[in-house]
Amino acid sequence: MMVNLGANTVHFSVEMLEQYELARAEVCMGREGTLSSRQKKAIDEIKLANELGIPVSVHLPIFLPPDYKRDYLDAMFLEPDEAQRELSFEMVALNLKLLESYEVEYYVLHFPGVILEKEVQELFEERLDESLERLEVLSRQYNCSILLEYFGSNVNFYRPEQWIEKLRPYRHLGLLIDTGHLYFASVIWDFDFISVLKMLSDHAEAFHLWTTKGQYAYRENEFYLKNNHVAIHPEQMKEDGWAFDSKTVLDILKDTSKPLIIEATPLYLGEKYYQNGIVKVASYLKNVK
């Protein structure tokens, strides 16, 4: 069993971890059911992980402020609209306060948002620095770590080197690399996925693992719109239409001690393919030399 390999609990559960030779969990609210039922499920998973002594991370948010009208995974921290930015910080503060009594290894946060309009760099940098500082202050206040998930969806903040530089000064903030979103960023900004993954893996504090097919990103990718996050299988090859050679990605990450979270759904080919992917990844990482 690899102590750093785990799964997101939206389509999995803490009870299933040992059966699949996984040793950690990441709790996320998901989208099935009412808001209150999803929140209850998330809290129950955190409690159970704590009771069993299983390391658990939490993908924010679990709780939403009353005036929060956007999708729960939207990120408004860098938007020009001050009211939307304040709502995002209110959301973070609310969650850190309500989850303070649990043992959470780190929190995951969508941060850059989807911003397609280029701004005056000085004005944007000022807003970016202020937002990072506010998150650092909140993290210090609640004595926790927040990992910001890399996306290439903000035209003002997408360069991998820029992310490294901006996060370097902060003790309580870190970088999380998601293989699927990094692939989409490589499509949008035309950089080499594998080279950048190798570079960022030295700086990241944790990883999300999933894949997709197609040469387009997000809403322009019909496969992604239909199948969402697909479970990684070591035999998936770029030459067969997959985003990347999955075995190459696993080889890059095989020696890391940082958390590797399988963040897939069973939409593509059903539960069996999803579950077999988890088994294969766990087996490969355990046995690869």
Protein backbone atom coordinates (compact mmCIF):
# COMPACT_ATOMS: atom_id res chain seq x y z
CA MET A 1 0.00 0.00 0.00
CA MET A 2 1.32 3.43 -0.97
CA VAL A 3 0.77 5.86 1.88
CA ASN A 4 0.57 8.85 -0.46
CA LEU A 5 -2.04 7.43 -2.89
CA GLY A 6 -5.72 8.18 -2.34
CA ALA A 7 -9.02 9.03 -3.98
CA ASN A 8 -11.55 11.80 -4.10
CA THR A 9 -14.68 10.65 -2.24
CA VAL A 10 -17.33 12.04 -4.61
CA HIS A 11 -17.49 8.64 -6.37
CA PHE A 12 -15.63 6.67 -3.72
CA SER A 13 -15.77 6.34 0.05
CA VAL A 14 -13.44 6.21 3.01
CA GLU A 15 -14.65 2.67 3.79
CA MET A 16 -13.38 1.44 0.39
CA LEU A 17 -9.82 2.76 0.71
CA GLU A 18 -8.19 -0.30 2.25
CA GLN A 19 -9.88 -2.65 -0.22
CA TYR A 20 -8.25 -0.74 -3.09
CA GLU A 21 -4.90 -0.34 -1.31
CA LEU A 22 -5.33 3.40 -0.90
CA ALA A 23 -4.21 5.25 2.20
CA ARG A 24 -5.75 8.72 2.04
CA ALA A 25 -8.92 10.53 0.99
CA GLU A 26 -9.87 13.89 -0.42
CA VAL A 27 -13.37 15.05 0.41
CA CYS A 28 -15.32 17.15 -2.07
CA MET A 29 -18.99 18.09 -1.97
CA GLY A 30 -19.92 16.76 -5.41
CA ARG A 31 -23.12 17.55 -7.28
CA GLU A 32 -25.57 14.72 -6.61
CA GLY A 33 -28.42 15.43 -4.20
CA THR A 34 -29.44 18.51 -2.27
CA LEU A 35 -26.89 20.95 -0.88
CA SER A 36 -27.57 19.83 2.67
CA SER A 37 -27.24 16.12 1.80
CA ARG A 38 -23.94 16.74 0.00
CA GLN A 39 -22.63 18.72 2.94
CA LYS A 40 -23.65 15.98 5.38
CA LYS A 41 -21.93 13.32 3.27
CA ALA A 42 -18.74 15.38 3.13
CA ILE A 43 -18.66 15.97 6.88
CA ASP A 44 -19.41 12.29 7.57
CA GLU A 45 -16.45 11.32 5.37
CA ILE A 46 -14.14 13.73 7.20
CA LYS A 47 -15.29 12.43 10.59
CA LEU A 48 -14.81 8.81 9.56
CA ALA A 49 -11.33 9.47 8.17
CA ASN A 50 -10.40 11.19 11.44
CA GLU A 51 -11.78 8.30 13.49
CA LEU A 52 -9.79 5.77 11.43
CA GLY A 53 -6.61 7.84 11.45
CA ILE A 54 -6.66 8.23 7.66
CA PRO A 55 -5.07 11.40 6.23
CA VAL A 56 -7.75 13.55 4.65
CA SER A 57 -7.68 16.69 2.54
CA VAL A 58 -10.72 18.80 1.72
CA HIS A 59 -11.55 20.34 -1.63
CA LEU A 60 -13.26 23.62 -0.75
CA PRO A 61 -15.97 24.66 -0.47
CA ILE A 62 -18.20 22.51 1.70
CA PHE A 63 -20.18 25.47 3.03
CA LEU A 64 -21.41 28.50 1.09
CA PRO A 65 -22.28 32.03 2.27
CA PRO A 66 -25.99 32.93 1.90
CA ASP A 67 -25.30 35.35 -0.97
CA TYR A 68 -23.16 32.89 -2.95
CA LYS A 69 -25.05 32.54 -6.26
CA ARG A 70 -22.31 31.24 -8.55
CA ASP A 71 -21.39 27.60 -9.11
CA TYR A 72 -19.82 26.30 -5.92
CA LEU A 73 -16.49 25.58 -7.64
CA ASP A 74 -16.22 28.98 -9.33
CA ALA A 75 -13.23 31.08 -8.31
CA MET A 76 -13.68 34.85 -8.09
CA PHE A 77 -10.54 35.79 -6.15
CA LEU A 78 -8.97 37.58 -9.12
CA GLU A 79 -12.03 39.08 -10.75
CA PRO A 80 -12.20 42.88 -11.16
CA ASP A 81 -15.56 42.93 -9.34
CA GLU A 82 -14.70 43.62 -5.71
CA ALA A 83 -18.02 42.26 -4.41
CA GLN A 84 -17.38 38.89 -6.07
CA ARG A 85 -13.85 38.78 -4.68
CA GLU A 86 -15.12 39.50 -1.17
CA LEU A 87 -17.65 36.69 -1.50
CA SER A 88 -14.85 34.25 -2.31
CA PHE A 89 -12.85 35.26 0.77
CA GLU A 90 -16.00 35.05 2.88
CA MET A 91 -16.47 31.51 1.59
CA VAL A 92 -12.94 30.50 2.57
CA ALA A 93 -13.21 32.03 6.03
CA LEU A 94 -16.57 30.32 6.62
CA ASN A 95 -15.19 26.90 5.69
CA LEU A 96 -12.01 27.21 7.71
CA LYS A 97 -14.03 28.23 10.75
CA LEU A 98 -16.62 25.44 10.44
CA LEU A 99 -13.99 22.77 9.69
CA GLU A 100 -11.51 23.95 12.33
CA SER A 101 -12.35 21.14 14.74
CA TYR A 102 -11.39 18.38 12.27
CA GLU A 103 -7.96 17.05 11.35
CA VAL A 104 -7.47 18.22 7.76
CA GLU A 105 -4.03 17.79 6.21
CA TYR A 106 -4.60 20.55 3.65
CA TYR A 107 -7.36 22.34 1.76
CA VAL A 108 -7.65 22.54 -2.03
CA LEU A 109 -8.93 25.68 -3.68
CA HIS A 110 -9.78 26.75 -7.21
CA PHE A 111 -8.11 30.14 -7.43
CA PRO A 112 -7.42 31.79 -10.82
CA GLY A 113 -10.95 31.64 -12.25
CA VAL A 114 -11.92 31.87 -15.90
CA ILE A 115 -10.79 35.29 -17.09
CA LEU A 116 -10.46 35.81 -20.84
CA GLU A 117 -9.69 39.53 -20.96
CA LYS A 118 -6.13 40.74 -20.67
CA GLU A 119 -5.69 43.44 -18.03
CA VAL A 120 -3.04 46.06 -17.39
CA GLN A 121 -0.36 43.89 -15.81
CA GLU A 122 0.42 46.24 -12.92
CA LEU A 123 -3.23 46.42 -11.87
CA PHE A 124 -3.68 42.67 -12.09
CA GLU A 125 -0.45 41.94 -10.21
CA GLU A 126 -1.59 44.20 -7.39
CA ARG A 127 -4.87 42.31 -7.11
CA LEU A 128 -3.08 38.95 -7.35
CA ASP A 129 -0.61 39.80 -4.60
CA GLU A 130 -3.36 41.13 -2.36
CA SER A 131 -5.44 37.98 -2.85
CA LEU A 132 -2.53 35.68 -2.08
CA GLU A 133 -1.68 37.68 1.03
CA ARG A 134 -5.28 37.48 2.26
CA LEU A 135 -5.32 33.71 1.81
CA GLU A 136 -2.01 33.45 3.65
CA VAL A 137 -3.42 35.46 6.54
CA LEU A 138 -6.50 33.23 6.73
CA SER A 139 -4.30 30.12 6.63
CA ARG A 140 -2.16 31.44 9.48
CA GLN A 141 -5.25 32.37 11.47
CA TYR A 142 -6.58 28.81 11.28
CA ASN A 143 -3.14 27.14 11.28
CA CYS A 144 -3.74 25.25 8.06
CA SER A 145 -2.38 24.82 4.54
CA ILE A 146 -4.24 25.81 1.37
CA LEU A 147 -3.11 24.39 -1.96
CA LEU A 148 -4.08 26.37 -5.04
CA GLU A 149 -4.95 24.17 -8.00
CA TYR A 150 -3.16 25.14 -11.20
CA PHE A 151 -5.35 26.13 -14.15
CA GLY A 152 -4.48 27.86 -17.41
CA SER A 153 -7.89 29.53 -17.61
CA ASN A 154 -6.86 33.07 -16.61
CA VAL A 155 -5.06 35.00 -19.38
CA ASN A 156 -3.31 37.10 -16.76
CA PHE A 157 -2.06 34.22 -14.61
CA TYR A 158 -1.31 31.04 -16.53
CA ARG A 159 2.45 30.71 -16.96
CA PRO A 160 3.78 27.86 -14.79
CA GLU A 161 6.86 29.91 -13.85
CA GLN A 162 4.57 32.73 -12.73
CA TRP A 163 2.71 30.39 -10.40
CA ILE A 164 5.96 29.16 -8.87
CA GLU A 165 7.27 32.67 -8.39
CA LYS A 166 4.08 34.02 -6.84
CA LEU A 167 3.57 31.15 -4.39
CA ARG A 168 7.20 30.86 -3.28
CA PRO A 169 7.09 33.49 -0.48
CA TYR A 170 4.14 31.95 1.36
CA ARG A 171 4.50 29.38 4.13
CA HIS A 172 0.84 28.32 4.29
CA LEU A 173 0.01 28.36 0.57
CA GLY A 174 1.14 25.76 -1.93
CA LEU A 175 0.68 24.46 -5.45
CA LEU A 176 -1.47 21.50 -6.52
CA ILE A 177 -1.03 20.05 -10.01
CA ASP A 178 -4.02 18.38 -11.65
CA THR A 179 -2.98 16.29 -14.65
CA GLY A 180 -6.19 16.94 -16.57
CA HIS A 181 -6.24 20.70 -16.06
CA LEU A 182 -2.51 20.90 -16.81
CA TYR A 183 -3.20 19.09 -20.09
CA PHE A 184 -5.93 21.58 -20.99
CA ALA A 185 -3.57 24.45 -20.15
CA SER A 186 -0.98 22.92 -22.50
CA VAL A 187 -3.64 22.90 -25.23
CA ILE A 188 -4.68 26.52 -24.60
CA TRP A 189 -1.15 27.91 -24.29
CA ASP A 190 0.71 25.49 -26.56
CA PHE A 191 3.36 24.24 -24.16
CA ASP A 192 4.77 20.74 -23.77
CA PHE A 193 2.70 18.92 -21.16
CA ILE A 194 5.33 16.41 -20.06
CA SER A 195 8.14 18.96 -19.74
CA VAL A 196 6.00 21.29 -17.66
CA LEU A 197 4.72 18.44 -15.50
CA LYS A 198 8.31 17.47 -14.73
CA MET A 199 9.16 21.06 -13.83
CA LEU A 200 6.08 21.66 -11.68
CA SER A 201 6.34 18.31 -9.90
CA ASP A 202 9.39 19.65 -8.06
CA HIS A 203 7.31 22.54 -6.68
CA ALA A 204 3.86 21.00 -6.18
CA GLU A 205 2.66 19.85 -2.76
CA ALA A 206 0.04 17.42 -4.11
CA PHE A 207 -1.44 16.06 -7.33
CA HIS A 208 -4.81 15.14 -8.84
CA LEU A 209 -4.79 12.26 -11.32
CA TRP A 210 -7.20 11.90 -14.26
CA THR A 211 -7.14 12.00 -18.03
CA THR A 212 -9.26 12.73 -21.07
CA LYS A 213 -9.21 12.53 -24.87
CA GLY A 214 -9.18 15.14 -27.60
CA GLN A 215 -7.09 18.06 -28.79
CA TYR A 216 -9.37 20.78 -27.45
CA ALA A 217 -10.01 22.20 -23.98
CA TYR A 218 -13.08 22.25 -21.78
CA ARG A 219 -16.28 23.34 -23.61
CA GLU A 220 -14.70 22.73 -27.01
CA ASN A 221 -13.91 19.13 -26.07
CA GLU A 222 -16.92 16.89 -26.73
CA PHE A 223 -15.29 13.88 -25.07
CA TYR A 224 -14.67 15.85 -21.88
CA LEU A 225 -18.19 17.29 -21.85
CA LYS A 226 -19.60 13.76 -22.06
CA ASN A 227 -17.15 11.87 -19.83
CA ASN A 228 -15.65 14.45 -17.46
CA HIS A 229 -12.61 13.13 -15.53
CA VAL A 230 -11.56 9.68 -16.75
CA ALA A 231 -9.67 7.27 -14.51
CA ILE A 232 -6.03 6.84 -15.47
CA HIS A 233 -4.99 3.39 -16.71
CA PRO A 234 -1.27 2.81 -17.32
CA GLU A 235 -1.92 1.45 -20.83
CA GLN A 236 -3.60 4.64 -22.10
CA MET A 237 -1.49 6.04 -24.95
CA LYS A 238 -1.43 9.40 -26.68
CA GLU A 239 -1.28 7.64 -30.04
CA ASP A 240 -4.71 6.14 -29.23
CA GLY A 241 -6.24 9.56 -28.66
CA TRP A 242 -5.60 10.00 -24.95
CA ALA A 243 -4.35 13.33 -23.63
CA PHE A 244 -0.98 11.86 -22.66
CA ASP A 245 0.78 8.55 -22.13
CA SER A 246 -0.51 7.69 -18.68
CA LYS A 247 2.43 5.41 -17.91
CA THR A 248 4.83 8.32 -18.52
CA VAL A 249 2.91 10.49 -16.07
CA LEU A 250 2.94 7.75 -13.44
CA ASP A 251 6.68 7.25 -13.98
CA ILE A 252 7.28 10.96 -13.35
CA LEU A 253 5.35 10.80 -10.09
CA LYS A 254 6.30 7.30 -8.89
CA ASP A 255 9.02 8.40 -6.48
CA THR A 256 7.22 11.35 -4.91
CA SER A 257 6.09 11.20 -1.32
CA LYS A 258 3.53 13.94 -1.93
CA PRO A 259 -0.20 13.09 -2.01
CA LEU A 260 -1.50 11.61 -5.26
CA ILE A 261 -5.29 11.83 -5.39
CA ILE A 262 -7.26 9.94 -8.04
CA GLU A 263 -9.95 12.45 -9.04
CA ALA A 264 -11.97 10.53 -11.60
CA THR A 265 -15.62 9.79 -12.35
CA PRO A 266 -17.27 6.58 -13.62
CA LEU A 267 -18.94 8.27 -16.61
CA TYR A 268 -16.55 6.75 -19.16
CA LEU A 269 -17.34 3.03 -19.62
CA GLY A 270 -18.93 2.76 -16.18
CA GLU A 271 -17.98 1.74 -12.66
CA LYS A 272 -15.84 -1.23 -13.68
CA TYR A 273 -13.48 0.88 -15.80
CA TYR A 274 -13.28 3.49 -13.06
CA GLN A 275 -12.54 0.94 -10.33
CA ASN A 276 -10.09 -1.00 -12.49
CA GLY A 277 -8.21 2.23 -13.10
CA ILE A 278 -7.76 2.72 -9.37
CA VAL A 279 -6.53 -0.87 -8.98
CA LYS A 280 -4.11 -0.56 -11.89
CA VAL A 281 -2.65 2.75 -10.75
CA ALA A 282 -2.15 1.44 -7.20
CA SER A 283 -0.52 -1.74 -8.51
CA TYR A 284 1.70 0.06 -10.99
CA LEU A 285 2.99 2.62 -8.51
CA LYS A 286 3.62 -0.07 -5.91
CA ASN A 287 5.57 -2.36 -8.23
CA VAL A 288 7.33 -0.04 -10.70
CA LYS A 289 11.10 0.11 -10.27
